[in-house]
C-alpha atoms as a PDB file:
ATOM      1  CA  UNK A   1     -19.676 -10.536   3.621  1.00  0.00           C
ATOM      2  CA  UNK A   2     -18.289  -8.606   6.588  1.00  0.00           C
ATOM      3  CA  UNK A   3     -15.311 -10.944   6.773  1.00  0.00           C
ATOM      4  CA  UNK A   4     -14.882 -11.723   3.086  1.00  0.00           C
ATOM      5  CA  UNK A   5     -15.028  -8.204   1.616  1.00  0.00           C
ATOM      6  CA  UNK A   6     -12.205  -6.601   3.678  1.00  0.00           C
ATOM      7  CA  UNK A   7     -10.149  -9.758   3.305  1.00  0.00           C
ATOM      8  CA  UNK A   8     -10.409  -9.822  -0.494  1.00  0.00           C
ATOM      9  CA  UNK A   9      -9.679  -6.092  -0.669  1.00  0.00           C
ATOM     10  CA  UNK A  10      -6.547  -6.558   1.426  1.00  0.00           C
ATOM     11  CA  UNK A  11      -5.406  -9.566  -0.606  1.00  0.00           C
ATOM     12  CA  UNK A  12      -5.896  -7.660  -3.875  1.00  0.00           C
ATOM     13  CA  UNK A  13      -3.866  -4.683  -2.648  1.00  0.00           C
ATOM     14  CA  UNK A  14      -1.085  -6.860  -1.231  1.00  0.00           C
ATOM     15  CA  UNK A  15      -0.899  -8.948  -4.406  1.00  0.00           C
ATOM     16  CA  UNK A  16      -0.915  -5.895  -6.687  1.00  0.00           C
ATOM     17  CA  UNK A  17       1.937  -4.223  -4.821  1.00  0.00           C
ATOM     18  CA  UNK A  18       4.076  -7.357  -4.752  1.00  0.00           C
ATOM     19  CA  UNK A  19       3.292  -7.952  -8.425  1.00  0.00           C
ATOM     20  CA  UNK A  20       4.850  -4.574  -9.225  1.00  0.00           C
ATOM     21  CA  UNK A  21       7.950  -5.641  -7.306  1.00  0.00           C
ATOM     22  CA  UNK A  22       8.056  -8.937  -9.218  1.00  0.00           C
ATOM     23  CA  UNK A  23       7.781  -7.068 -12.527  1.00  0.00           C
ATOM     24  CA  UNK A  24      10.685  -4.825 -11.499  1.00  0.00           C
ATOM     25  CA  UNK A  25      12.783  -7.881 -10.618  1.00  0.00           C
ATOM     26  CA  UNK A  26      11.915  -9.554 -13.929  1.00  0.00           C
ATOM     27  CA  UNK A  27      12.916  -6.452 -15.885  1.00  0.00           C
ATOM     28  CA  UNK A  28      16.209  -6.260 -14.020  1.00  0.00           C
ATOM     29  CA  UNK A  29      17.023  -9.902 -14.793  1.00  0.00           C
ATOM     30  CA  UNK A  30      15.946  -9.561 -18.423  1.00  0.00           C
ATOM     31  CA  UNK A  31      18.129  -6.504 -18.985  1.00  0.00           C
ATOM     32  CA  UNK A  32      21.183  -7.222 -16.838  1.00  0.00           C
ATOM     33  CA  UNK A  33      21.307 -11.020 -17.256  1.00  0.00           C
ATOM     34  CA  UNK A  34      19.929 -11.439 -20.744  1.00  0.00           C
ATOM     35  CA  UNK A  35      21.461 -14.802 -21.596  1.00  0.00           C
ATOM     36  CA  UNK A  36      20.751 -16.447 -18.249  1.00  0.00           C
ATOM     37  CA  UNK A  37      17.214 -15.125 -17.767  1.00  0.00           C
ATOM     38  CA  UNK A  38      14.428 -16.959 -19.550  1.00  0.00           C
ATOM     39  CA  UNK A  39      10.892 -16.102 -18.495  1.00  0.00           C
ATOM     40  CA  UNK A  40       8.213 -18.416 -19.880  1.00  0.00           C
ATOM     41  CA  UNK A  41       4.449 -18.289 -19.540  1.00  0.00           C
ATOM     42  CA  UNK A  42       4.583 -21.293 -17.232  1.00  0.00           C
ATOM     43  CA  UNK A  43       7.074 -19.646 -14.880  1.00  0.00           C
ATOM     44  CA  UNK A  44       5.097 -16.393 -14.962  1.00  0.00           C
ATOM     45  CA  UNK A  45       1.883 -18.196 -14.009  1.00  0.00           C
ATOM     46  CA  UNK A  46       3.633 -19.948 -11.118  1.00  0.00           C
ATOM     47  CA  UNK A  47       5.017 -16.634  -9.831  1.00  0.00           C
ATOM     48  CA  UNK A  48       1.588 -14.992 -10.036  1.00  0.00           C
ATOM     49  CA  UNK A  49      -0.039 -17.880  -8.154  1.00  0.00           C
ATOM     50  CA  UNK A  50       2.650 -17.783  -5.456  1.00  0.00           C
ATOM     51  CA  UNK A  51       2.188 -14.029  -4.978  1.00  0.00           C
ATOM     52  CA  UNK A  52      -1.584 -14.402  -4.603  1.00  0.00           C
ATOM     53  CA  UNK A  53      -1.171 -17.347  -2.233  1.00  0.00           C
ATOM     54  CA  UNK A  54       1.292 -15.482  -0.008  1.00  0.00           C
ATOM     55  CA  UNK A  55      -0.951 -12.400  -0.044  1.00  0.00           C
ATOM     56  CA  UNK A  56      -3.890 -14.540   1.045  1.00  0.00           C
ATOM     57  CA  UNK A  57      -1.892 -15.907   3.971  1.00  0.00           C
ATOM     58  CA  UNK A  58      -0.639 -12.459   5.010  1.00  0.00           C
ATOM     59  CA  UNK A  59      -4.162 -11.025   5.148  1.00  0.00           C
ATOM     60  CA  UNK A  60      -5.734 -13.947   7.068  1.00  0.00           C
ATOM     61  CA  UNK A  61      -6.109 -11.902  10.309  1.00  0.00           C
ATOM     62  CA  UNK A  62      -8.636  -9.678   8.558  1.00  0.00           C
ATOM     63  CA  UNK A  63     -10.674 -12.744   7.682  1.00  0.00           C
ATOM     64  CA  UNK A  64     -10.541 -13.932  11.294  1.00  0.00           C
ATOM     65  CA  UNK A  65     -11.069 -10.710  13.233  1.00  0.00           C
ATOM     66  CA  UNK A  66     -13.590  -8.728  11.198  1.00  0.00           C
ATOM     67  CA  UNK A  67     -17.049  -8.919  12.755  1.00  0.00           C
ATOM     68  CA  UNK A  68     -20.421  -7.306  12.269  1.00  0.00           C
ATOM     69  CA  UNK A  69     -21.768  -5.307  15.196  1.00  0.00           C
ATOM     70  CA  UNK A  70     -24.827  -3.188  15.861  1.00  0.00           C
ATOM     71  CA  UNK A  71     -24.289   0.503  15.160  1.00  0.00           C
ATOM     72  CA  UNK A  72     -27.692   2.207  15.454  1.00  0.00           C
ATOM     73  CA  UNK A  73     -31.110   0.842  16.371  1.00  0.00           C
ATOM     74  CA  UNK A  74     -33.866   3.306  15.487  1.00  0.00           C
ATOM     75  CA  UNK A  75     -36.633   0.988  16.604  1.00  0.00           C
ATOM     76  CA  UNK A  76     -37.734   0.665  13.011  1.00  0.00           C
ATOM     77  CA  UNK A  77     -34.470  -0.380  11.455  1.00  0.00           C
ATOM     78  CA  UNK A  78     -31.160  -1.613  12.804  1.00  0.00           C
ATOM     79  CA  UNK A  79     -27.881  -0.561  11.224  1.00  0.00           C
ATOM     80  CA  UNK A  80     -24.723  -2.643  11.473  1.00  0.00           C
ATOM     81  CA  UNK A  81     -21.092  -1.868  10.783  1.00  0.00           C
ATOM     82  CA  UNK A  82     -18.182  -4.137  10.014  1.00  0.00           C
ATOM     83  CA  UNK A  83     -15.308  -3.645  12.435  1.00  0.00           C
ATOM     84  CA  UNK A  84     -12.191  -5.410  13.677  1.00  0.00           C
ATOM     85  CA  UNK A  85     -12.330  -7.341  16.961  1.00  0.00           C
ATOM     86  CA  UNK A  86      -8.857  -8.394  18.060  1.00  0.00           C
ATOM     87  CA  UNK A  87      -8.237 -10.498  21.187  1.00  0.00           C
ATOM     88  CA  UNK A  88      -5.753  -7.908  22.516  1.00  0.00           C
ATOM     89  CA  UNK A  89      -4.695  -4.315  21.847  1.00  0.00           C
ATOM     90  CA  UNK A  90      -1.266  -5.204  20.484  1.00  0.00           C
ATOM     91  CA  UNK A  91      -2.683  -7.496  17.779  1.00  0.00           C
ATOM     92  CA  UNK A  92      -3.735  -4.813  15.274  1.00  0.00           C
ATOM     93  CA  UNK A  93      -0.512  -2.870  15.833  1.00  0.00           C
ATOM     94  CA  UNK A  94       1.667  -5.881  15.131  1.00  0.00           C
ATOM     95  CA  UNK A  95      -0.454  -6.668  12.088  1.00  0.00           C
ATOM     96  CA  UNK A  96      -0.052  -3.108  10.800  1.00  0.00           C
ATOM     97  CA  UNK A  97       3.732  -3.302  11.188  1.00  0.00           C
ATOM     98  CA  UNK A  98       3.774  -6.638   9.334  1.00  0.00           C
ATOM     99  CA  UNK A  99       1.633  -5.249   6.502  1.00  0.00           C
ATOM    100  CA  UNK A 100       3.797  -2.138   6.260  1.00  0.00           C
ATOM    101  CA  UNK A 101       6.951  -4.247   5.944  1.00  0.00           C
ATOM    102  CA  UNK A 102       5.619  -6.972   3.632  1.00  0.00           C
ATOM    103  CA  UNK A 103       3.312  -4.909   1.420  1.00  0.00           C
ATOM    104  CA  UNK A 104       5.117  -1.573   1.251  1.00  0.00           C
ATOM    105  CA  UNK A 105       8.670  -1.368   2.607  1.00  0.00           C
ATOM    106  CA  UNK A 106      10.108  -4.547   1.067  1.00  0.00           C
ATOM    107  CA  UNK A 107       8.395  -4.113  -2.349  1.00  0.00           C
ATOM    108  CA  UNK A 108       9.459  -0.451  -2.432  1.00  0.00           C
ATOM    109  CA  UNK A 109      13.076  -1.298  -1.611  1.00  0.00           C
ATOM    110  CA  UNK A 110      13.080  -4.038  -4.259  1.00  0.00           C
ATOM    111  CA  UNK A 111      11.633  -1.695  -6.886  1.00  0.00           C
ATOM    112  CA  UNK A 112      14.169   1.021  -6.013  1.00  0.00           C
ATOM    113  CA  UNK A 113      17.042  -1.465  -6.154  1.00  0.00           C
ATOM    114  CA  UNK A 114      16.018  -3.067  -9.460  1.00  0.00           C
ATOM    115  CA  UNK A 115      15.243   0.165 -11.286  1.00  0.00           C
ATOM    116  CA  UNK A 116      18.410   1.825  -9.955  1.00  0.00           C
ATOM    117  CA  UNK A 117      20.511  -1.060 -11.270  1.00  0.00           C
ATOM    118  CA  UNK A 118      18.681  -0.900 -14.599  1.00  0.00           C
ATOM    119  CA  UNK A 119      19.304   2.850 -14.798  1.00  0.00           C
ATOM    120  CA  UNK A 120      23.012   2.369 -14.087  1.00  0.00           C
ATOM    121  CA  UNK A 121      23.209  -0.403 -16.675  1.00  0.00           C
ATOM    122  CA  UNK A 122      21.500   1.651 -19.355  1.00  0.00           C
ATOM    123  CA  UNK A 123      23.514   4.770 -18.574  1.00  0.00           C
ATOM    124  CA  UNK A 124      26.857   2.976 -18.781  1.00  0.00           C
ATOM    125  CA  UNK A 125      26.106   1.088 -21.984  1.00  0.00           C
ATOM    126  CA  UNK A 126      27.653   2.371 -25.189  1.00  0.00           C
ATOM    127  CA  UNK A 127      27.054   1.417 -28.798  1.00  0.00           C
ATOM    128  CA  UNK A 128      30.503   0.897 -30.392  1.00  0.00           C
ATOM    129  CA  UNK A 129      31.173   2.301 -33.827  1.00  0.00           C
ATOM    130  CA  UNK A 130      28.370   4.852 -33.916  1.00  0.00           C
ATOM    131  CA  UNK A 131      29.897   7.843 -32.128  1.00  0.00           C
ATOM    132  CA  UNK A 132      28.186  10.075 -34.646  1.00  0.00           C
ATOM    133  CA  UNK A 133      24.823   9.342 -33.037  1.00  0.00           C
ATOM    134  CA  UNK A 134      25.925   9.424 -29.382  1.00  0.00           C
ATOM    135  CA  UNK A 135      23.846  12.533 -28.662  1.00  0.00           C
ATOM    136  CA  UNK A 136      20.695  10.764 -29.847  1.00  0.00           C
ATOM    137  CA  UNK A 137      21.463   7.695 -27.747  1.00  0.00           C
ATOM    138  CA  UNK A 138      22.277   9.857 -24.722  1.00  0.00           C
ATOM    139  CA  UNK A 139      18.885  11.547 -24.928  1.00  0.00           C
ATOM    140  CA  UNK A 140      17.215   8.134 -24.997  1.00  0.00           C
ATOM    141  CA  UNK A 141      19.183   7.086 -21.912  1.00  0.00           C
ATOM    142  CA  UNK A 142      18.091  10.218 -20.042  1.00  0.00           C
ATOM    143  CA  UNK A 143      14.463   9.414 -20.870  1.00  0.00           C
ATOM    144  CA  UNK A 144      14.872   5.873 -19.566  1.00  0.00           C
ATOM    145  CA  UNK A 145      16.360   7.036 -16.263  1.00  0.00           C
ATOM    146  CA  UNK A 146      13.679   9.706 -15.813  1.00  0.00           C
ATOM    147  CA  UNK A 147      10.932   7.193 -16.456  1.00  0.00           C
ATOM    148  CA  UNK A 148      12.328   4.639 -14.009  1.00  0.00           C
ATOM    149  CA  UNK A 149      12.624   7.111 -11.172  1.00  0.00           C
ATOM    150  CA  UNK A 150       9.186   8.539 -11.935  1.00  0.00           C
ATOM    151  CA  UNK A 151       7.723   5.037 -11.503  1.00  0.00           C
ATOM    152  CA  UNK A 152       9.495   4.633  -8.149  1.00  0.00           C
ATOM    153  CA  UNK A 153       8.512   8.062  -6.824  1.00  0.00           C
ATOM    154  CA  UNK A 154       4.857   7.658  -7.787  1.00  0.00           C
ATOM    155  CA  UNK A 155       4.702   4.213  -6.194  1.00  0.00           C
ATOM    156  CA  UNK A 156       6.113   5.520  -2.911  1.00  0.00           C
ATOM    157  CA  UNK A 157       3.934   8.642  -2.907  1.00  0.00           C
ATOM    158  CA  UNK A 158       0.735   6.777  -3.836  1.00  0.00           C
ATOM    159  CA  UNK A 159       0.800   4.307  -0.946  1.00  0.00           C
ATOM    160  CA  UNK A 160       2.502   6.331   1.801  1.00  0.00           C
ATOM    161  CA  UNK A 161      -0.583   8.422   2.809  1.00  0.00           C
ATOM    162  CA  UNK A 162      -2.623   5.271   3.511  1.00  0.00           C
ATOM    163  CA  UNK A 163       0.047   3.863   5.814  1.00  0.00           C
ATOM    164  CA  UNK A 164       0.408   7.192   7.621  1.00  0.00           C
ATOM    165  CA  UNK A 165      -3.341   7.242   8.266  1.00  0.00           C
ATOM    166  CA  UNK A 166      -3.375   3.663   9.564  1.00  0.00           C
ATOM    167  CA  UNK A 167      -0.366   4.506  11.728  1.00  0.00           C
ATOM    168  CA  UNK A 168      -2.498   7.188  13.390  1.00  0.00           C
ATOM    169  CA  UNK A 169      -5.481   4.829  13.693  1.00  0.00           C
ATOM    170  CA  UNK A 170      -3.609   1.888  15.222  1.00  0.00           C
ATOM    171  CA  UNK A 171      -1.119   3.689  17.456  1.00  0.00           C
ATOM    172  CA  UNK A 172      -2.991   6.823  18.522  1.00  0.00           C
ATOM    173  CA  UNK A 173      -6.562   5.428  18.511  1.00  0.00           C
ATOM    174  CA  UNK A 174      -8.763   8.536  18.048  1.00  0.00           C
ATOM    175  CA  UNK A 175     -12.106   8.399  19.848  1.00  0.00           C
ATOM    176  CA  UNK A 176     -14.937   7.068  17.640  1.00  0.00           C
ATOM    177  CA  UNK A 177     -17.068  10.156  18.293  1.00  0.00           C
ATOM    178  CA  UNK A 178     -14.345  12.729  17.707  1.00  0.00           C
ATOM    179  CA  UNK A 179     -13.932  14.968  14.676  1.00  0.00           C
ATOM    180  CA  UNK A 180     -10.554  13.367  13.984  1.00  0.00           C
ATOM    181  CA  UNK A 181     -12.165   9.936  13.770  1.00  0.00           C
ATOM    182  CA  UNK A 182     -14.880  11.175  11.419  1.00  0.00           C
ATOM    183  CA  UNK A 183     -12.397  12.933   9.135  1.00  0.00           C
ATOM    184  CA  UNK A 184     -10.104   9.905   9.039  1.00  0.00           C
ATOM    185  CA  UNK A 185     -12.719   7.276   8.202  1.00  0.00           C
ATOM    186  CA  UNK A 186     -15.147   9.338   6.130  1.00  0.00           C
ATOM    187  CA  UNK A 187     -12.679  11.332   4.056  1.00  0.00           C
ATOM    188  CA  UNK A 188      -8.987  10.514   4.371  1.00  0.00           C
ATOM    189  CA  UNK A 189      -9.163   6.705   4.360  1.00  0.00           C
ATOM    190  CA  UNK A 190     -11.265   6.448   1.146  1.00  0.00           C
ATOM    191  CA  UNK A 191      -9.141   9.125  -0.536  1.00  0.00           C
ATOM    192  CA  UNK A 192      -5.848   7.456   0.390  1.00  0.00           C
ATOM    193  CA  UNK A 193      -7.175   4.049  -0.696  1.00  0.00           C
ATOM    194  CA  UNK A 194      -8.140   5.490  -4.072  1.00  0.00           C
ATOM    195  CA  UNK A 195      -4.716   7.138  -4.389  1.00  0.00           C
ATOM    196  CA  UNK A 196      -2.923   3.866  -3.648  1.00  0.00           C
ATOM    197  CA  UNK A 197      -5.011   1.803  -6.036  1.00  0.00           C
ATOM    198  CA  UNK A 198      -4.642   4.421  -8.767  1.00  0.00           C
ATOM    199  CA  UNK A 199      -0.893   3.744  -8.871  1.00  0.00           C
ATOM    200  CA  UNK A 200      -1.467   0.723 -11.111  1.00  0.00           C
ATOM    201  CA  UNK A 201      -3.197   2.993 -13.606  1.00  0.00           C
ATOM    202  CA  UNK A 202      -0.459   5.631 -13.449  1.00  0.00           C
ATOM    203  CA  UNK A 203       2.298   3.374 -14.770  1.00  0.00           C
ATOM    204  CA  UNK A 204       0.827   2.902 -18.281  1.00  0.00           C
ATOM    205  CA  UNK A 205       0.465   6.688 -18.523  1.00  0.00           C
ATOM    206  CA  UNK A 206       4.128   7.138 -17.579  1.00  0.00           C
ATOM    207  CA  UNK A 207       5.219   4.541 -20.141  1.00  0.00           C
ATOM    208  CA  UNK A 208       3.060   6.181 -22.807  1.00  0.00           C
ATOM    209  CA  UNK A 209       4.544   9.615 -22.077  1.00  0.00           C
ATOM    210  CA  UNK A 210       8.200   8.562 -22.053  1.00  0.00           C
ATOM    211  CA  UNK A 211       8.212   5.771 -24.634  1.00  0.00           C
ATOM    212  CA  UNK A 212       7.978   6.603 -28.317  1.00  0.00           C
ATOM    213  CA  UNK A 213       7.546   2.910 -29.105  1.00  0.00           C
ATOM    214  CA  UNK A 214       4.530   2.525 -26.843  1.00  0.00           C
ATOM    215  CA  UNK A 215       2.962   5.706 -28.230  1.00  0.00           C
ATOM    216  CA  UNK A 216       3.384   4.475 -31.799  1.00  0.00           C
ATOM    217  CA  UNK A 217       2.014   1.025 -31.015  1.00  0.00           C
ATOM    218  CA  UNK A 218      -0.931   2.493 -29.140  1.00  0.00           C
ATOM    219  CA  UNK A 219      -1.753   4.801 -32.020  1.00  0.00           C
ATOM    220  CA  UNK A 220      -1.369   1.895 -34.423  1.00  0.00           C
ATOM    221  CA  UNK A 221      -3.897  -0.120 -32.446  1.00  0.00           C
ATOM    222  CA  UNK A 222      -6.313   2.807 -32.270  1.00  0.00           C
ATOM    223  CA  UNK A 223      -6.037   3.825 -35.911  1.00  0.00           C
ATOM    224  CA  UNK A 224      -5.451   0.361 -37.416  1.00  0.00           C
ATOM    225  CA  UNK A 225      -3.132   2.068 -39.904  1.00  0.00           C
ATOM    226  CA  UNK A 226       0.060   0.333 -38.864  1.00  0.00           C
ATOM    227  CA  UNK A 227       1.032  -3.256 -38.315  1.00  0.00           C
ATOM    228  CA  UNK A 228       2.343  -4.714 -35.095  1.00  0.00           C
ATOM    229  CA  UNK A 229       3.628  -8.254 -35.421  1.00  0.00           C
ATOM    230  CA  UNK A 230       5.707 -10.260 -32.929  1.00  0.00           C
ATOM    231  CA  UNK A 231       7.162  -7.197 -31.254  1.00  0.00           C
ATOM    232  CA  UNK A 232       8.168  -5.461 -34.507  1.00  0.00           C
ATOM    233  CA  UNK A 233       6.657  -2.218 -35.706  1.00  0.00           C
ATOM    234  CA  UNK A 234       6.728  -0.298 -38.964  1.00  0.00           C
ATOM    235  CA  UNK A 235       7.261   3.460 -39.228  1.00  0.00           C
ATOM    236  CA  UNK A 236       6.372   5.989 -41.871  1.00  0.00           C
ATOM    237  CA  UNK A 237       8.480   9.114 -42.243  1.00  0.00           C
ATOM    238  CA  UNK A 238       7.459  12.218 -44.047  1.00  0.00           C
ATOM    239  CA  UNK A 239      10.847  13.914 -43.788  1.00  0.00           C
ATOM    240  CA  UNK A 240      13.654  13.334 -46.261  1.00  0.00           C
ATOM    241  CA  UNK A 241      16.166  12.413 -43.556  1.00  0.00           C
ATOM    242  CA  UNK A 242      15.408  10.883 -40.185  1.00  0.00           C
ATOM    243  CA  UNK A 243      17.423   9.124 -37.528  1.00  0.00           C
ATOM    244  CA  UNK A 244      15.764   6.972 -34.852  1.00  0.00           C
ATOM    245  CA  UNK A 245      17.130   4.942 -31.989  1.00  0.00           C
ATOM    246  CA  UNK A 246      15.417   1.609 -31.312  1.00  0.00           C
ATOM    247  CA  UNK A 247      16.129  -0.932 -28.633  1.00  0.00           C
ATOM    248  CA  UNK A 248      14.799  -4.102 -30.233  1.00  0.00           C
ATOM    249  CA  UNK A 249      15.670  -7.759 -29.765  1.00  0.00           C
ATOM    250  CA  UNK A 250      18.903  -6.955 -27.947  1.00  0.00           C
ATOM    251  CA  UNK A 251      20.225  -4.500 -30.548  1.00  0.00           C
ATOM    252  CA  UNK A 252      20.673  -0.794 -30.962  1.00  0.00           C
ATOM    253  CA  UNK A 253      19.216  -0.005 -34.363  1.00  0.00           C
ATOM    254  CA  UNK A 254      19.846   3.326 -36.086  1.00  0.00           C
ATOM    255  CA  UNK A 255      17.674   4.033 -39.106  1.00  0.00           C
ATOM    256  CA  UNK A 256      18.294   6.741 -41.680  1.00  0.00           C
ATOM    257  CA  UNK A 257      15.805   6.681 -44.554  1.00  0.00           C
ATOM    258  CA  UNK A 258      15.989   3.126 -45.910  1.00  0.00           C
ATOM    259  CA  UNK A 259      19.368   2.271 -44.407  1.00  0.00           C
ATOM    260  CA  UNK A 260      19.956   0.848 -40.963  1.00  0.00           C
ATOM    261  CA  UNK A 261      23.084   0.408 -38.905  1.00  0.00           C
ATOM    262  CA  UNK A 262      22.898  -2.394 -36.327  1.00  0.00           C
ATOM    263  CA  UNK A 263      25.185  -2.997 -33.396  1.00  0.00           C
ATOM    264  CA  UNK A 264      24.647  -6.020 -31.187  1.00  0.00           C
ATOM    265  CA  UNK A 265      24.303  -4.409 -27.754  1.00  0.00           C
ATOM    266  CA  UNK A 266      21.724  -5.350 -25.175  1.00  0.00           C
ATOM    267  CA  UNK A 267      20.311  -2.199 -23.632  1.00  0.00           C
ATOM    268  CA  UNK A 268      16.631  -2.440 -22.862  1.00  0.00           C
ATOM    269  CA  UNK A 269      13.427  -3.956 -24.162  1.00  0.00           C
ATOM    270  CA  UNK A 270      11.949  -1.731 -26.852  1.00  0.00           C
ATOM    271  CA  UNK A 271       8.401  -2.246 -25.637  1.00  0.00           C
ATOM    272  CA  UNK A 272       9.367  -0.711 -22.326  1.00  0.00           C
ATOM    273  CA  UNK A 273      11.849   2.067 -22.848  1.00  0.00           C
ATOM    274  CA  UNK A 274      12.393   3.461 -26.342  1.00  0.00           C
END
């Protein structure tokens, strides 16, 4: 268990982070190259398997160099701890640099690049023939851009503390009996690990806050009062006049009471941005 537990934890974290980068890349291709990009369940499963396989290979040193050693022997009971035993001092430092690059820097840069390109694409898109509703569409675009950059900022901020702490551990090596060592391992490391892992739970909250579509579909699922079928949703309006902007199936759809004005214009996936 000493070898397997840290290894599986590392693989899970590495895979989760790179999965977020893959999702960002898929969204970029789906929005900016709509006709050329076709994601199927089969392709998605292959990508997921490849990410987990690569993550397993990256984290192999933890499987090899974690060992159980005696910590305290009271005479009645012996306590053991699981620690890393590398053949040389430079090993863990090189491993940390590799993990930082492969599981943080590269995914972060990819996420920033993809979401920035999506934001530019959405911002520059116009719906011809419906100038009357440009202010409504512009507000929707602002929400999209805000949401994208919020996702990027939270991802960077969630994982950065953990890498700063491990930078201190691997390159400055505090003494095991010092107060710094105790604070790092007993308080800061668990807290930073929780913060990093919580990033996956933050994204749905961001989407729920910024996306009217997701809020409506969530409420429909909770209340069972509305129907959701094949990506379509049905709205009920109490007002006598209402205009809404939907990004559905590659179209901008403006609805006013029972009338709708459609303009074929790929902007974004309604389940993600509206």
